[in-house]
Amino acid sequence: MEQWEMMAKMVKEFYLAFKQEEFLNKDMTEERGHLRDLLLMEEKTEYMKAEIENDTVGKLDAVVDMAYVYIGTLLEQCKGNADLVARILYFDSMDSELVEIYDKIEKNNFNGIFLLAFKEVHRSNMTKLDKNGQPVYYTKGAKKGKIRKSEVFEEPKLKEIIEGRDDLCQNMIW
């Protein structure tokens, strides 16, 4: 259960760094729930594209992002309680979204590298903060209010994880 706690705390760190804590302190509105569903659907679409293209890096990135978004949604529903989110992730094997994520991890043999990939995506996500450590948002159009990548953003280094960096992957079990 330790890895679940770690992942929930990483996503909570993202919320706090990007000044999104208001969503951890109030009931989720229908509009916010819809946005969370759209974010998850976006990641599922990216996964399907990577699946069609037989892009292993793209599949790993998408499935980690699916988990990241899902955990964020749980954090909002649980008012930021990362321990409760970890318990849900560990014990709730009936949730269809969670089962879908697990299935994609298993299908692609990502079990042994998933936590390491999650940490790497989190590291990358944190580089969306600008050089002054501030979040950057879209200000117009359909993406208005959504967090965007800053000038110091770094893509996650998932290819290196997949290509057998055994020294990085040892003892990282899903």
C-alpha atoms as a PDB file:
ATOM      1  CA  MET A   1       0.000   0.000   0.000  1.00  0.00           C
ATOM      2  CA  GLU A   2       3.034   2.227   0.400  1.00  0.00           C
ATOM      3  CA  GLN A   3       3.274   2.892  -3.353  1.00  0.00           C
ATOM      4  CA  TRP A   4      -0.380   3.997  -3.436  1.00  0.00           C
ATOM      5  CA  GLU A   5       0.273   6.457  -0.631  1.00  0.00           C
ATOM      6  CA  MET A   6       3.332   7.736  -2.472  1.00  0.00           C
ATOM      7  CA  MET A   7       1.386   8.255  -5.705  1.00  0.00           C
ATOM      8  CA  ALA A   8      -1.511   9.993  -3.932  1.00  0.00           C
ATOM      9  CA  LYS A   9       0.938  12.305  -2.147  1.00  0.00           C
ATOM     10  CA  MET A  10       2.694  13.145  -5.428  1.00  0.00           C
ATOM     11  CA  VAL A  11      -0.590  14.128  -7.064  1.00  0.00           C
ATOM     12  CA  LYS A  12      -1.530  16.163  -3.993  1.00  0.00           C
ATOM     13  CA  GLU A  13       1.872  17.903  -4.216  1.00  0.00           C
ATOM     14  CA  PHE A  14       0.965  18.833  -7.812  1.00  0.00           C
ATOM     15  CA  TYR A  15      -2.372  20.291  -6.672  1.00  0.00           C
ATOM     16  CA  LEU A  16      -0.689  22.393  -4.011  1.00  0.00           C
ATOM     17  CA  ALA A  17       2.176  23.589  -6.240  1.00  0.00           C
ATOM     18  CA  PHE A  18      -0.255  24.596  -8.977  1.00  0.00           C
ATOM     19  CA  LYS A  19      -2.561  26.430  -6.569  1.00  0.00           C
ATOM     20  CA  GLN A  20      -5.401  23.963  -7.074  1.00  0.00           C
ATOM     21  CA  GLU A  21      -5.998  23.292  -3.362  1.00  0.00           C
ATOM     22  CA  GLU A  22      -9.434  24.911  -3.550  1.00  0.00           C
ATOM     23  CA  PHE A  23     -10.584  21.759  -5.349  1.00  0.00           C
ATOM     24  CA  LEU A  24      -9.379  19.665  -2.407  1.00  0.00           C
ATOM     25  CA  ASN A  25     -11.379  21.729   0.076  1.00  0.00           C
ATOM     26  CA  LYS A  26     -14.874  21.784  -1.369  1.00  0.00           C
ATOM     27  CA  ASP A  27     -17.442  19.419  -2.799  1.00  0.00           C
ATOM     28  CA  MET A  28     -16.892  18.530  -6.433  1.00  0.00           C
ATOM     29  CA  THR A  29     -19.366  20.335  -8.650  1.00  0.00           C
ATOM     30  CA  GLU A  30     -21.011  18.711 -11.633  1.00  0.00           C
ATOM     31  CA  GLU A  31     -18.965  21.004 -13.897  1.00  0.00           C
ATOM     32  CA  ARG A  32     -15.723  19.980 -12.204  1.00  0.00           C
ATOM     33  CA  GLY A  33     -16.682  16.311 -12.428  1.00  0.00           C
ATOM     34  CA  HIS A  34     -17.299  16.776 -16.133  1.00  0.00           C
ATOM     35  CA  LEU A  35     -13.870  18.383 -16.556  1.00  0.00           C
ATOM     36  CA  ARG A  36     -12.220  15.475 -14.712  1.00  0.00           C
ATOM     37  CA  ASP A  37     -14.072  13.025 -16.999  1.00  0.00           C
ATOM     38  CA  LEU A  38     -12.859  14.956 -20.059  1.00  0.00           C
ATOM     39  CA  LEU A  39      -9.253  14.860 -18.803  1.00  0.00           C
ATOM     40  CA  LEU A  40      -9.480  11.106 -18.320  1.00  0.00           C
ATOM     41  CA  MET A  41     -11.068  10.661 -21.762  1.00  0.00           C
ATOM     42  CA  GLU A  42      -8.225  12.690 -23.299  1.00  0.00           C
ATOM     43  CA  GLU A  43      -5.702  10.264 -21.787  1.00  0.00           C
ATOM     44  CA  LYS A  44      -7.708   7.245 -22.958  1.00  0.00           C
ATOM     45  CA  THR A  45      -7.677   8.693 -26.476  1.00  0.00           C
ATOM     46  CA  GLU A  46      -3.905   9.146 -26.285  1.00  0.00           C
ATOM     47  CA  TYR A  47      -3.590   5.534 -25.159  1.00  0.00           C
ATOM     48  CA  MET A  48      -5.724   4.290 -28.067  1.00  0.00           C
ATOM     49  CA  LYS A  49      -3.602   6.278 -30.522  1.00  0.00           C
ATOM     50  CA  ALA A  50      -0.406   4.818 -29.047  1.00  0.00           C
ATOM     51  CA  GLU A  51      -1.960   1.344 -29.179  1.00  0.00           C
ATOM     52  CA  ILE A  52      -2.752   1.752 -32.887  1.00  0.00           C
ATOM     53  CA  GLU A  53       0.770   3.031 -33.568  1.00  0.00           C
ATOM     54  CA  ASN A  54       2.330   0.290 -31.413  1.00  0.00           C
ATOM     55  CA  ASP A  55       4.086   3.073 -29.463  1.00  0.00           C
ATOM     56  CA  THR A  56       5.168   1.585 -26.152  1.00  0.00           C
ATOM     57  CA  VAL A  57       6.427   4.894 -24.748  1.00  0.00           C
ATOM     58  CA  GLY A  58       3.143   6.554 -25.697  1.00  0.00           C
ATOM     59  CA  LYS A  59       1.151   3.755 -24.062  1.00  0.00           C
ATOM     60  CA  LEU A  60       3.156   4.003 -20.842  1.00  0.00           C
ATOM     61  CA  ASP A  61       2.810   7.787 -20.803  1.00  0.00           C
ATOM     62  CA  ALA A  62      -0.938   7.582 -21.369  1.00  0.00           C
ATOM     63  CA  VAL A  63      -1.603   4.899 -18.763  1.00  0.00           C
ATOM     64  CA  VAL A  64       0.451   6.802 -16.164  1.00  0.00           C
ATOM     65  CA  ASP A  65      -1.450   9.978 -17.051  1.00  0.00           C
ATOM     66  CA  MET A  66      -4.728   8.063 -16.702  1.00  0.00           C
ATOM     67  CA  ALA A  67      -3.683   7.005 -13.199  1.00  0.00           C
ATOM     68  CA  TYR A  68      -2.541  10.558 -12.377  1.00  0.00           C
ATOM     69  CA  VAL A  69      -5.873  12.040 -13.457  1.00  0.00           C
ATOM     70  CA  TYR A  70      -7.845   9.285 -11.703  1.00  0.00           C
ATOM     71  CA  ILE A  71      -5.941   9.831  -8.450  1.00  0.00           C
ATOM     72  CA  GLY A  72      -6.533  13.576  -8.775  1.00  0.00           C
ATOM     73  CA  THR A  73     -10.255  12.961  -9.110  1.00  0.00           C
ATOM     74  CA  LEU A  74     -10.212  10.735  -6.019  1.00  0.00           C
ATOM     75  CA  LEU A  75      -8.277  13.409  -4.109  1.00  0.00           C
ATOM     76  CA  GLU A  76     -10.952  15.945  -4.985  1.00  0.00           C
ATOM     77  CA  GLN A  77     -13.723  13.555  -3.957  1.00  0.00           C
ATOM     78  CA  CYS A  78     -11.894  12.761  -0.689  1.00  0.00           C
ATOM     79  CA  LYS A  79     -11.162  16.419   0.162  1.00  0.00           C
ATOM     80  CA  GLY A  80      -7.399  15.972  -0.267  1.00  0.00           C
ATOM     81  CA  ASN A  81      -7.087  12.986   2.091  1.00  0.00           C
ATOM     82  CA  ALA A  82      -4.185  11.122   0.441  1.00  0.00           C
ATOM     83  CA  ASP A  83      -4.344   8.250   2.957  1.00  0.00           C
ATOM     84  CA  LEU A  84      -8.002   7.613   2.137  1.00  0.00           C
ATOM     85  CA  VAL A  85      -7.209   7.742  -1.590  1.00  0.00           C
ATOM     86  CA  ALA A  86      -4.425   5.173  -1.071  1.00  0.00           C
ATOM     87  CA  ARG A  87      -6.850   2.865   0.735  1.00  0.00           C
ATOM     88  CA  ILE A  88      -9.376   3.217  -2.093  1.00  0.00           C
ATOM     89  CA  LEU A  89      -6.694   2.445  -4.684  1.00  0.00           C
ATOM     90  CA  TYR A  90      -5.496  -0.547  -2.714  1.00  0.00           C
ATOM     91  CA  PHE A  91      -8.838  -2.066  -1.777  1.00  0.00           C
ATOM     92  CA  ASP A  92     -11.381  -0.986  -4.436  1.00  0.00           C
ATOM     93  CA  SER A  93     -10.842  -3.498  -7.212  1.00  0.00           C
ATOM     94  CA  MET A  94     -14.383  -3.084  -8.543  1.00  0.00           C
ATOM     95  CA  ASP A  95     -14.163   0.472  -9.886  1.00  0.00           C
ATOM     96  CA  SER A  96     -14.305   0.225 -13.686  1.00  0.00           C
ATOM     97  CA  GLU A  97     -11.843   3.084 -14.304  1.00  0.00           C
ATOM     98  CA  LEU A  98      -9.310   1.581 -11.929  1.00  0.00           C
ATOM     99  CA  VAL A  99      -9.771  -1.881 -13.447  1.00  0.00           C
ATOM    100  CA  GLU A 100      -9.168  -0.412 -16.905  1.00  0.00           C
ATOM    101  CA  ILE A 101      -5.919   1.178 -15.733  1.00  0.00           C
ATOM    102  CA  TYR A 102      -4.791  -2.077 -14.082  1.00  0.00           C
ATOM    103  CA  ASP A 103      -5.635  -4.010 -17.254  1.00  0.00           C
ATOM    104  CA  LYS A 104      -3.539  -1.690 -19.418  1.00  0.00           C
ATOM    105  CA  ILE A 105      -0.607  -1.966 -17.026  1.00  0.00           C
ATOM    106  CA  GLU A 106      -0.839  -5.757 -17.064  1.00  0.00           C
ATOM    107  CA  LYS A 107      -1.458  -6.057 -20.817  1.00  0.00           C
ATOM    108  CA  ASN A 108       1.667  -4.036 -21.597  1.00  0.00           C
ATOM    109  CA  ASN A 109       3.894  -5.654 -18.961  1.00  0.00           C
ATOM    110  CA  PHE A 110       4.363  -2.316 -17.191  1.00  0.00           C
ATOM    111  CA  ASN A 111       4.024  -3.886 -13.725  1.00  0.00           C
ATOM    112  CA  GLY A 112       7.724  -3.726 -12.848  1.00  0.00           C
ATOM    113  CA  ILE A 113       8.225  -0.165 -14.092  1.00  0.00           C
ATOM    114  CA  PHE A 114       4.924   1.537 -13.399  1.00  0.00           C
ATOM    115  CA  LEU A 115       5.846   3.219 -10.118  1.00  0.00           C
ATOM    116  CA  LEU A 116       9.131   4.460 -11.542  1.00  0.00           C
ATOM    117  CA  ALA A 117       7.272   5.785 -14.613  1.00  0.00           C
ATOM    118  CA  PHE A 118       4.708   7.457 -12.344  1.00  0.00           C
ATOM    119  CA  LYS A 119       7.504   9.190 -10.415  1.00  0.00           C
ATOM    120  CA  GLU A 120       9.070  10.317 -13.691  1.00  0.00           C
ATOM    121  CA  VAL A 121       5.792  11.717 -15.028  1.00  0.00           C
ATOM    122  CA  HIS A 122       5.313  13.519 -11.725  1.00  0.00           C
ATOM    123  CA  ARG A 123       8.815  15.011 -11.995  1.00  0.00           C
ATOM    124  CA  SER A 124       7.976  16.139 -15.526  1.00  0.00           C
ATOM    125  CA  ASN A 125       4.593  17.541 -14.456  1.00  0.00           C
ATOM    126  CA  MET A 126       6.282  19.646 -11.795  1.00  0.00           C
ATOM    127  CA  THR A 127       8.424  21.291 -14.507  1.00  0.00           C
ATOM    128  CA  LYS A 128       5.242  22.888 -15.814  1.00  0.00           C
ATOM    129  CA  LEU A 129       5.886  25.529 -13.137  1.00  0.00           C
ATOM    130  CA  ASP A 130       7.664  28.520 -14.646  1.00  0.00           C
ATOM    131  CA  LYS A 131      11.210  29.613 -13.764  1.00  0.00           C
ATOM    132  CA  ASN A 132       9.786  31.498 -10.765  1.00  0.00           C
ATOM    133  CA  GLY A 133       7.956  28.418  -9.502  1.00  0.00           C
ATOM    134  CA  GLN A 134       4.549  29.692 -10.577  1.00  0.00           C
ATOM    135  CA  PRO A 135       1.854  27.829 -12.528  1.00  0.00           C
ATOM    136  CA  VAL A 136       1.053  28.946 -16.063  1.00  0.00           C
ATOM    137  CA  TYR A 137      -2.502  28.753 -17.408  1.00  0.00           C
ATOM    138  CA  TYR A 138      -4.145  29.122 -20.780  1.00  0.00           C
ATOM    139  CA  THR A 139      -5.964  32.455 -20.806  1.00  0.00           C
ATOM    140  CA  LYS A 140      -8.250  32.066 -23.818  1.00  0.00           C
ATOM    141  CA  GLY A 141     -10.126  29.584 -25.919  1.00  0.00           C
ATOM    142  CA  ALA A 142     -11.355  26.110 -25.068  1.00  0.00           C
ATOM    143  CA  LYS A 143      -8.367  25.478 -22.782  1.00  0.00           C
ATOM    144  CA  LYS A 144      -8.870  28.660 -20.728  1.00  0.00           C
ATOM    145  CA  GLY A 145      -7.916  27.998 -17.116  1.00  0.00           C
ATOM    146  CA  LYS A 146      -6.133  24.720 -17.887  1.00  0.00           C
ATOM    147  CA  ILE A 147      -2.525  24.352 -16.750  1.00  0.00           C
ATOM    148  CA  ARG A 148      -0.069  24.658 -19.608  1.00  0.00           C
ATOM    149  CA  LYS A 149       3.591  23.775 -19.980  1.00  0.00           C
ATOM    150  CA  SER A 150       6.068  26.470 -19.014  1.00  0.00           C
ATOM    151  CA  GLU A 151       9.262  27.423 -20.821  1.00  0.00           C
ATOM    152  CA  VAL A 152      11.222  25.110 -18.473  1.00  0.00           C
ATOM    153  CA  PHE A 153       9.012  22.056 -19.039  1.00  0.00           C
ATOM    154  CA  GLU A 154      10.830  18.750 -19.512  1.00  0.00           C
ATOM    155  CA  GLU A 155       9.205  15.736 -21.147  1.00  0.00           C
ATOM    156  CA  PRO A 156       9.198  12.590 -19.014  1.00  0.00           C
ATOM    157  CA  LYS A 157      12.085  10.231 -19.753  1.00  0.00           C
ATOM    158  CA  LEU A 158       9.978   7.118 -20.188  1.00  0.00           C
ATOM    159  CA  LYS A 159      11.936   5.671 -23.093  1.00  0.00           C
ATOM    160  CA  GLU A 160      14.950   5.197 -20.822  1.00  0.00           C
ATOM    161  CA  ILE A 161      12.794   3.360 -18.295  1.00  0.00           C
ATOM    162  CA  ILE A 162      11.367   1.050 -20.953  1.00  0.00           C
ATOM    163  CA  GLU A 163      14.710   0.378 -22.597  1.00  0.00           C
ATOM    164  CA  GLY A 164      15.973  -1.594 -19.687  1.00  0.00           C
ATOM    165  CA  ARG A 165      17.426   0.761 -17.209  1.00  0.00           C
ATOM    166  CA  ASP A 166      17.378  -2.218 -14.855  1.00  0.00           C
ATOM    167  CA  ASP A 167      19.342  -0.223 -12.303  1.00  0.00           C
ATOM    168  CA  LEU A 168      16.364   2.155 -12.111  1.00  0.00           C
ATOM    169  CA  CYS A 169      13.681  -0.528 -12.232  1.00  0.00           C
ATOM    170  CA  GLN A 170      14.883  -2.987  -9.606  1.00  0.00           C
ATOM    171  CA  ASN A 171      12.628  -3.258  -6.582  1.00  0.00           C
ATOM    172  CA  MET A 172       9.921  -1.192  -8.271  1.00  0.00           C
ATOM    173  CA  ILE A 173       6.957  -3.531  -8.232  1.00  0.00           C
ATOM    174  CA  TRP A 174       3.459  -2.423  -9.064  1.00  0.00           C
END
